[in-house]
């Protein structure tokens, strides 16, 4: 039994060394501020050190573990020194972080995006100051924009007001100009997080009419007080990001987990579920949680949710929000 316990312990330690080695090698590759050849050399060297440590542990040479621990400590110190930048040459569509104030029932937002899109790289920028009457807040819609098959989507929440206006919020990667989105790279402090408040014609329309994504809309069935609290939580988080930037993370700080964190902070009970990660199935999760119309089958809600054909037929006009909600 003692021998078996020793073997299991070495296997567990070896697995831990392997995982840490993979993480450290990828971190060095993606985040070292060195030429590509130097980054490759550093990542490869750490990977080899990890493998050598595992072999040494099998042969019961404890000194190797000490060397590996020192190397890991050095990587952790370096990693902690990487802080999110407050300023950079941001991509134009995420150049500004919206901020807001509340005076009584009036919400004032500075930096609401309202671009005119003609192509992925052909647009007229517009950042506006808008005011909304919180007493007129009525609805909350969840938009799912599928960009990589049925499993992965970008989630946008849009708040509807009695006067027919809609305010959409999108949690996005704050890319630098010319930069792109990489789910792997964005696990390693590659880009910061930005909250975009925008007109639906902009933030939804660019996905339906310009990028050709399959966009679906679901009306959420949640209490009015929760809708208002969630909107104010968006504003609070946006204000915090404006003063304290944070890194985007493909697993822990993305378009879904950020909103889930907000809802939990408000006291909503949202149990952990694999669909919060594989978020293409988030509508089914919302359905199971009672946040969608449970009087109808989920398959029927899915079929009616697709708005891309209506958006393409209507175009990116001033009546976009009304057009996509037509039967």
Protein backbone atom coordinates (compact mmCIF):
# COMPACT_ATOMS: atom_id res chain seq x y z
CA UNK A 1 0.00 0.00 0.00
CA UNK A 2 2.81 2.41 0.84
CA UNK A 3 4.46 1.68 -2.52
CA UNK A 4 1.19 2.25 -4.37
CA UNK A 5 0.66 5.52 -2.51
CA UNK A 6 4.15 6.64 -3.50
CA UNK A 7 3.53 5.80 -7.17
CA UNK A 8 0.22 7.67 -7.19
CA UNK A 9 1.86 10.66 -5.54
CA UNK A 10 4.59 10.78 -8.19
CA UNK A 11 1.99 10.48 -10.96
CA UNK A 12 0.00 13.34 -9.47
CA UNK A 13 3.10 15.52 -9.10
CA UNK A 14 4.19 14.63 -12.63
CA UNK A 15 0.79 15.63 -14.01
CA UNK A 16 0.98 18.93 -12.12
CA UNK A 17 4.47 19.60 -13.49
CA UNK A 18 3.22 18.85 -17.02
CA UNK A 19 0.27 21.22 -16.71
CA UNK A 20 2.38 24.03 -15.25
CA UNK A 21 5.01 23.50 -17.93
CA UNK A 22 2.44 23.76 -20.74
CA UNK A 23 0.92 26.89 -19.22
CA UNK A 24 4.32 28.55 -18.66
CA UNK A 25 5.55 27.67 -22.16
CA UNK A 26 2.42 29.15 -23.75
CA UNK A 27 2.64 32.24 -21.51
CA UNK A 28 6.23 32.82 -22.58
CA UNK A 29 5.35 32.30 -26.23
CA UNK A 30 2.40 34.69 -26.23
CA UNK A 31 3.56 37.39 -23.82
CA UNK A 32 7.35 37.73 -23.86
CA UNK A 33 8.28 41.06 -25.42
CA UNK A 34 10.96 39.50 -27.60
CA UNK A 35 11.37 38.50 -31.26
CA UNK A 36 9.60 35.33 -32.35
CA UNK A 37 12.79 33.24 -32.32
CA UNK A 38 13.58 34.23 -28.74
CA UNK A 39 10.04 33.52 -27.61
CA UNK A 40 10.15 30.11 -29.24
CA UNK A 41 13.47 29.36 -27.56
CA UNK A 42 12.18 30.41 -24.12
CA UNK A 43 8.95 28.43 -24.47
CA UNK A 44 10.80 25.37 -25.74
CA UNK A 45 13.38 25.56 -22.98
CA UNK A 46 10.72 25.66 -20.28
CA UNK A 47 8.91 22.74 -21.89
CA UNK A 48 12.11 20.71 -21.90
CA UNK A 49 12.75 21.65 -18.28
CA UNK A 50 9.32 20.35 -17.38
CA UNK A 51 9.92 17.04 -19.16
CA UNK A 52 13.33 16.68 -17.54
CA UNK A 53 11.76 17.32 -14.14
CA UNK A 54 9.16 14.61 -14.70
CA UNK A 55 11.88 12.12 -15.66
CA UNK A 56 13.92 13.12 -12.60
CA UNK A 57 10.92 12.64 -10.32
CA UNK A 58 10.39 9.13 -11.69
CA UNK A 59 14.02 8.43 -10.79
CA UNK A 60 13.47 10.04 -7.35
CA UNK A 61 15.88 12.92 -7.83
CA UNK A 62 14.42 15.66 -5.70
CA UNK A 63 16.96 18.29 -6.71
CA UNK A 64 15.26 18.62 -10.10
CA UNK A 65 12.02 19.59 -8.39
CA UNK A 66 13.79 22.45 -6.62
CA UNK A 67 15.18 23.79 -9.90
CA UNK A 68 11.75 23.55 -11.51
CA UNK A 69 10.13 25.34 -8.56
CA UNK A 70 12.60 28.22 -8.90
CA UNK A 71 11.90 28.48 -12.62
CA UNK A 72 8.14 28.49 -12.00
CA UNK A 73 8.51 31.15 -9.31
CA UNK A 74 10.41 33.32 -11.77
CA UNK A 75 7.68 32.93 -14.40
CA UNK A 76 4.99 33.76 -11.84
CA UNK A 77 6.80 36.94 -10.77
CA UNK A 78 7.16 37.98 -14.40
CA UNK A 79 3.49 37.12 -15.08
CA UNK A 80 2.29 39.21 -12.15
CA UNK A 81 4.21 42.18 -13.52
CA UNK A 82 2.10 42.22 -16.72
CA UNK A 83 -0.69 44.72 -16.15
CA UNK A 84 -3.45 45.75 -18.58
CA UNK A 85 -2.66 48.97 -20.48
CA UNK A 86 -4.90 51.98 -20.01
CA UNK A 87 -4.02 53.46 -23.40
CA UNK A 88 -3.03 51.98 -26.73
CA UNK A 89 -3.69 52.31 -30.43
CA UNK A 90 -7.05 50.58 -30.14
CA UNK A 91 -9.09 49.29 -33.05
CA UNK A 92 -11.62 52.04 -33.96
CA UNK A 93 -14.70 50.00 -33.00
CA UNK A 94 -13.44 49.55 -29.42
CA UNK A 95 -11.57 52.83 -29.10
CA UNK A 96 -13.76 54.16 -26.29
CA UNK A 97 -15.02 52.71 -23.04
CA UNK A 98 -18.56 53.90 -22.33
CA UNK A 99 -19.18 55.58 -18.95
CA UNK A 100 -22.39 56.60 -17.25
CA UNK A 101 -24.06 58.51 -14.46
CA UNK A 102 -27.50 58.22 -12.89
CA UNK A 103 -29.49 61.24 -11.72
CA UNK A 104 -32.79 60.14 -10.27
CA UNK A 105 -34.36 58.04 -13.02
CA UNK A 106 -32.21 59.45 -15.82
CA UNK A 107 -29.27 57.40 -17.06
CA UNK A 108 -26.69 59.42 -19.02
CA UNK A 109 -24.13 57.52 -21.06
CA UNK A 110 -21.06 58.98 -22.76
CA UNK A 111 -19.51 56.97 -25.56
CA UNK A 112 -22.51 55.08 -26.95
CA UNK A 113 -21.45 53.57 -30.26
CA UNK A 114 -23.57 54.28 -33.33
CA UNK A 115 -21.41 53.44 -36.36
CA UNK A 116 -22.64 53.34 -39.93
CA UNK A 117 -21.31 50.06 -41.32
CA UNK A 118 -20.78 49.49 -45.03
CA UNK A 119 -18.14 46.77 -44.74
CA UNK A 120 -15.88 45.12 -42.18
CA UNK A 121 -13.29 47.87 -42.71
CA UNK A 122 -15.60 50.47 -44.20
CA UNK A 123 -17.57 52.45 -41.63
CA UNK A 124 -18.29 55.92 -40.32
CA UNK A 125 -17.45 56.16 -36.58
CA UNK A 126 -19.91 57.86 -34.25
CA UNK A 127 -19.71 58.04 -30.46
CA UNK A 128 -22.69 59.70 -28.83
CA UNK A 129 -23.95 60.91 -25.47
CA UNK A 130 -27.41 59.50 -24.81
CA UNK A 131 -29.95 59.73 -21.99
CA UNK A 132 -32.44 57.07 -20.99
CA UNK A 133 -35.41 57.17 -18.61
CA UNK A 134 -35.04 54.19 -16.30
CA UNK A 135 -38.71 54.39 -15.40
CA UNK A 136 -39.45 53.58 -19.05
CA UNK A 137 -37.32 50.42 -19.05
CA UNK A 138 -39.48 47.50 -20.10
CA UNK A 139 -37.74 44.54 -21.74
CA UNK A 140 -34.51 42.60 -21.97
CA UNK A 141 -33.50 40.64 -25.08
CA UNK A 142 -30.63 38.19 -25.40
CA UNK A 143 -28.96 38.13 -28.81
CA UNK A 144 -26.79 35.16 -29.73
CA UNK A 145 -24.47 35.72 -32.69
CA UNK A 146 -23.08 32.40 -33.96
CA UNK A 147 -19.64 32.83 -35.52
CA UNK A 148 -18.17 29.33 -35.19
CA UNK A 149 -20.93 26.78 -35.68
CA UNK A 150 -23.65 25.89 -33.16
CA UNK A 151 -21.35 25.60 -30.15
CA UNK A 152 -19.86 29.09 -29.87
CA UNK A 153 -21.61 32.44 -30.02
CA UNK A 154 -21.22 36.02 -28.93
CA UNK A 155 -23.90 37.15 -26.47
CA UNK A 156 -25.33 40.66 -26.40
CA UNK A 157 -28.03 41.91 -24.04
CA UNK A 158 -30.34 44.69 -25.21
CA UNK A 159 -32.55 46.76 -22.92
CA UNK A 160 -35.83 48.02 -24.38
CA UNK A 161 -37.65 51.20 -23.37
CA UNK A 162 -41.29 52.20 -23.67
CA UNK A 163 -40.45 54.86 -26.28
CA UNK A 164 -39.15 52.21 -28.70
CA UNK A 165 -35.46 52.77 -28.04
CA UNK A 166 -33.03 49.92 -27.38
CA UNK A 167 -29.66 49.98 -25.67
CA UNK A 168 -27.42 47.00 -26.44
CA UNK A 169 -24.41 45.98 -24.35
CA UNK A 170 -21.60 43.83 -25.71
CA UNK A 171 -18.63 42.47 -23.76
CA UNK A 172 -15.77 42.51 -26.25
CA UNK A 173 -12.05 42.11 -26.74
CA UNK A 174 -10.34 45.48 -26.86
CA UNK A 175 -8.03 44.76 -29.76
CA UNK A 176 -5.24 47.00 -30.93
CA UNK A 177 -5.48 48.44 -34.42
CA UNK A 178 -4.80 45.66 -36.90
CA UNK A 179 -5.07 43.00 -34.19
CA UNK A 180 -7.37 40.00 -34.16
CA UNK A 181 -9.17 37.67 -31.80
CA UNK A 182 -7.58 34.39 -30.74
CA UNK A 183 -9.29 32.24 -28.07
CA UNK A 184 -5.92 30.71 -27.15
CA UNK A 185 -3.88 33.93 -27.11
CA UNK A 186 -6.58 35.66 -25.07
CA UNK A 187 -6.01 33.17 -22.27
CA UNK A 188 -2.63 34.82 -21.77
CA UNK A 189 -3.19 38.53 -21.16
CA UNK A 190 -3.11 39.41 -24.85
CA UNK A 191 -6.00 41.90 -24.90
CA UNK A 192 -8.08 43.89 -22.46
CA UNK A 193 -11.80 43.83 -21.83
CA UNK A 194 -14.18 46.53 -23.01
CA UNK A 195 -17.91 47.05 -22.46
CA UNK A 196 -19.56 48.47 -25.56
CA UNK A 197 -22.94 50.21 -25.27
CA UNK A 198 -24.43 50.71 -28.70
CA UNK A 199 -27.44 51.09 -30.93
CA UNK A 200 -28.73 47.73 -32.14
CA UNK A 201 -28.35 48.92 -35.73
CA UNK A 202 -24.63 49.07 -35.03
CA UNK A 203 -23.64 46.21 -32.75
CA UNK A 204 -26.27 43.72 -33.99
CA UNK A 205 -26.35 44.95 -37.58
CA UNK A 206 -22.62 44.57 -38.12
CA UNK A 207 -23.00 40.88 -37.28
CA UNK A 208 -26.12 40.18 -39.36
CA UNK A 209 -25.50 42.36 -42.42
CA UNK A 210 -21.70 42.77 -42.60
CA UNK A 211 -20.16 39.63 -41.08
CA UNK A 212 -22.97 37.31 -42.14
CA UNK A 213 -23.35 35.65 -38.76
CA UNK A 214 -26.42 33.71 -37.68
CA UNK A 215 -27.97 36.00 -35.07
CA UNK A 216 -30.86 34.93 -32.84
CA UNK A 217 -32.99 37.01 -30.46
CA UNK A 218 -34.65 35.73 -27.29
CA UNK A 219 -36.95 37.77 -25.04
CA UNK A 220 -35.94 37.09 -21.45
CA UNK A 221 -38.69 36.58 -18.91
CA UNK A 222 -37.21 38.05 -15.74
CA UNK A 223 -38.57 40.55 -13.16
CA UNK A 224 -38.52 44.25 -14.00
CA UNK A 225 -36.44 45.06 -10.95
CA UNK A 226 -33.78 42.58 -12.10
CA UNK A 227 -33.68 44.14 -15.56
CA UNK A 228 -33.09 47.56 -14.07
CA UNK A 229 -30.49 46.27 -11.61
CA UNK A 230 -28.62 44.47 -14.39
CA UNK A 231 -28.51 47.62 -16.53
CA UNK A 232 -27.12 49.62 -13.62
CA UNK A 233 -24.56 46.87 -13.00
CA UNK A 234 -23.40 47.20 -16.61
CA UNK A 235 -22.93 50.93 -16.02
CA UNK A 236 -21.02 50.34 -12.79
CA UNK A 237 -18.73 47.80 -14.45
CA UNK A 238 -18.16 50.12 -17.42
CA UNK A 239 -17.17 52.95 -15.09
CA UNK A 240 -14.80 50.63 -13.25
CA UNK A 241 -13.16 49.49 -16.49
CA UNK A 242 -12.65 53.12 -17.52
CA UNK A 243 -10.44 53.65 -14.46
CA UNK A 244 -9.10 50.12 -13.86
CA UNK A 245 -8.58 48.13 -17.08
CA UNK A 246 -8.68 44.36 -16.89
CA UNK A 247 -7.59 41.61 -19.23
CA UNK A 248 -10.03 39.70 -21.38
CA UNK A 249 -9.88 35.94 -20.81
CA UNK A 250 -11.49 33.46 -23.18
CA UNK A 251 -12.64 31.28 -20.26
CA UNK A 252 -13.08 33.47 -17.21
CA UNK A 253 -13.81 37.02 -18.45
CA UNK A 254 -15.72 36.74 -21.70
CA UNK A 255 -19.09 37.83 -23.09
CA UNK A 256 -20.97 35.20 -21.09
CA UNK A 257 -19.08 34.81 -17.82
CA UNK A 258 -18.89 38.58 -17.29
CA UNK A 259 -22.68 38.88 -17.45
CA UNK A 260 -23.13 35.81 -15.25
CA UNK A 261 -20.84 37.41 -12.68
CA UNK A 262 -22.94 40.59 -12.78
CA UNK A 263 -26.16 38.63 -12.26
CA UNK A 264 -24.68 36.66 -9.37
CA UNK A 265 -23.46 39.89 -7.78
CA UNK A 266 -27.10 41.02 -7.81
CA UNK A 267 -28.13 37.89 -5.95
CA UNK A 268 -29.46 35.87 -8.88
CA UNK A 269 -28.88 32.13 -8.50
CA UNK A 270 -27.16 30.86 -11.65
CA UNK A 271 -25.75 27.37 -11.09
CA UNK A 272 -22.56 26.31 -12.82
CA UNK A 273 -23.21 24.58 -16.12
CA UNK A 274 -21.13 23.49 -19.10
CA UNK A 275 -23.34 25.68 -21.32
CA UNK A 276 -21.88 28.78 -19.68
CA UNK A 277 -18.60 27.82 -21.39
CA UNK A 278 -19.91 26.22 -24.59
CA UNK A 279 -22.22 29.19 -24.81
CA UNK A 280 -23.86 28.37 -28.12
CA UNK A 281 -26.29 26.39 -25.99
CA UNK A 282 -26.98 29.27 -23.62
CA UNK A 283 -30.59 29.62 -24.83
CA UNK A 284 -31.26 26.06 -23.65
CA UNK A 285 -29.70 26.94 -20.30
CA UNK A 286 -31.93 30.04 -20.04
CA UNK A 287 -34.93 27.89 -20.96
CA UNK A 288 -34.12 25.35 -18.24
CA UNK A 289 -33.70 28.20 -15.75
CA UNK A 290 -37.17 29.53 -16.55
CA UNK A 291 -35.85 32.72 -18.19
CA UNK A 292 -37.57 32.03 -21.53
CA UNK A 293 -41.20 31.34 -22.45
CA UNK A 294 -41.63 27.84 -21.03
CA UNK A 295 -45.14 27.47 -22.48
CA UNK A 296 -43.60 26.72 -25.88
CA UNK A 297 -41.06 24.08 -26.93
CA UNK A 298 -37.45 25.22 -27.09
CA UNK A 299 -37.20 24.06 -30.70
CA UNK A 300 -40.00 26.44 -31.62
CA UNK A 301 -38.32 29.35 -29.84
CA UNK A 302 -35.06 28.56 -31.67
CA UNK A 303 -36.80 28.56 -35.04
CA UNK A 304 -38.44 31.93 -34.43
CA UNK A 305 -35.33 33.50 -32.92
CA UNK A 306 -33.33 33.83 -36.15
CA UNK A 307 -33.32 37.47 -37.20
CA UNK A 308 -30.54 37.55 -39.81
CA UNK A 309 -32.89 37.08 -42.81
CA UNK A 310 -35.10 39.97 -41.66
CA UNK A 311 -32.07 42.17 -40.98
CA UNK A 312 -30.63 41.50 -44.42
CA UNK A 313 -33.96 42.19 -46.10
CA UNK A 314 -34.52 45.46 -44.22
CA UNK A 315 -30.97 46.81 -44.24
CA UNK A 316 -29.19 48.93 -41.63
CA UNK A 317 -31.81 51.65 -41.45
CA UNK A 318 -33.06 53.75 -38.56
CA UNK A 319 -35.92 51.27 -38.09
CA UNK A 320 -33.54 48.31 -37.69
CA UNK A 321 -34.71 47.43 -34.15
CA UNK A 322 -38.34 47.39 -35.22
CA UNK A 323 -37.62 45.49 -38.45
CA UNK A 324 -35.86 42.58 -36.75
CA UNK A 325 -38.78 42.18 -34.34
CA UNK A 326 -41.38 41.76 -37.07
CA UNK A 327 -43.08 38.34 -37.19
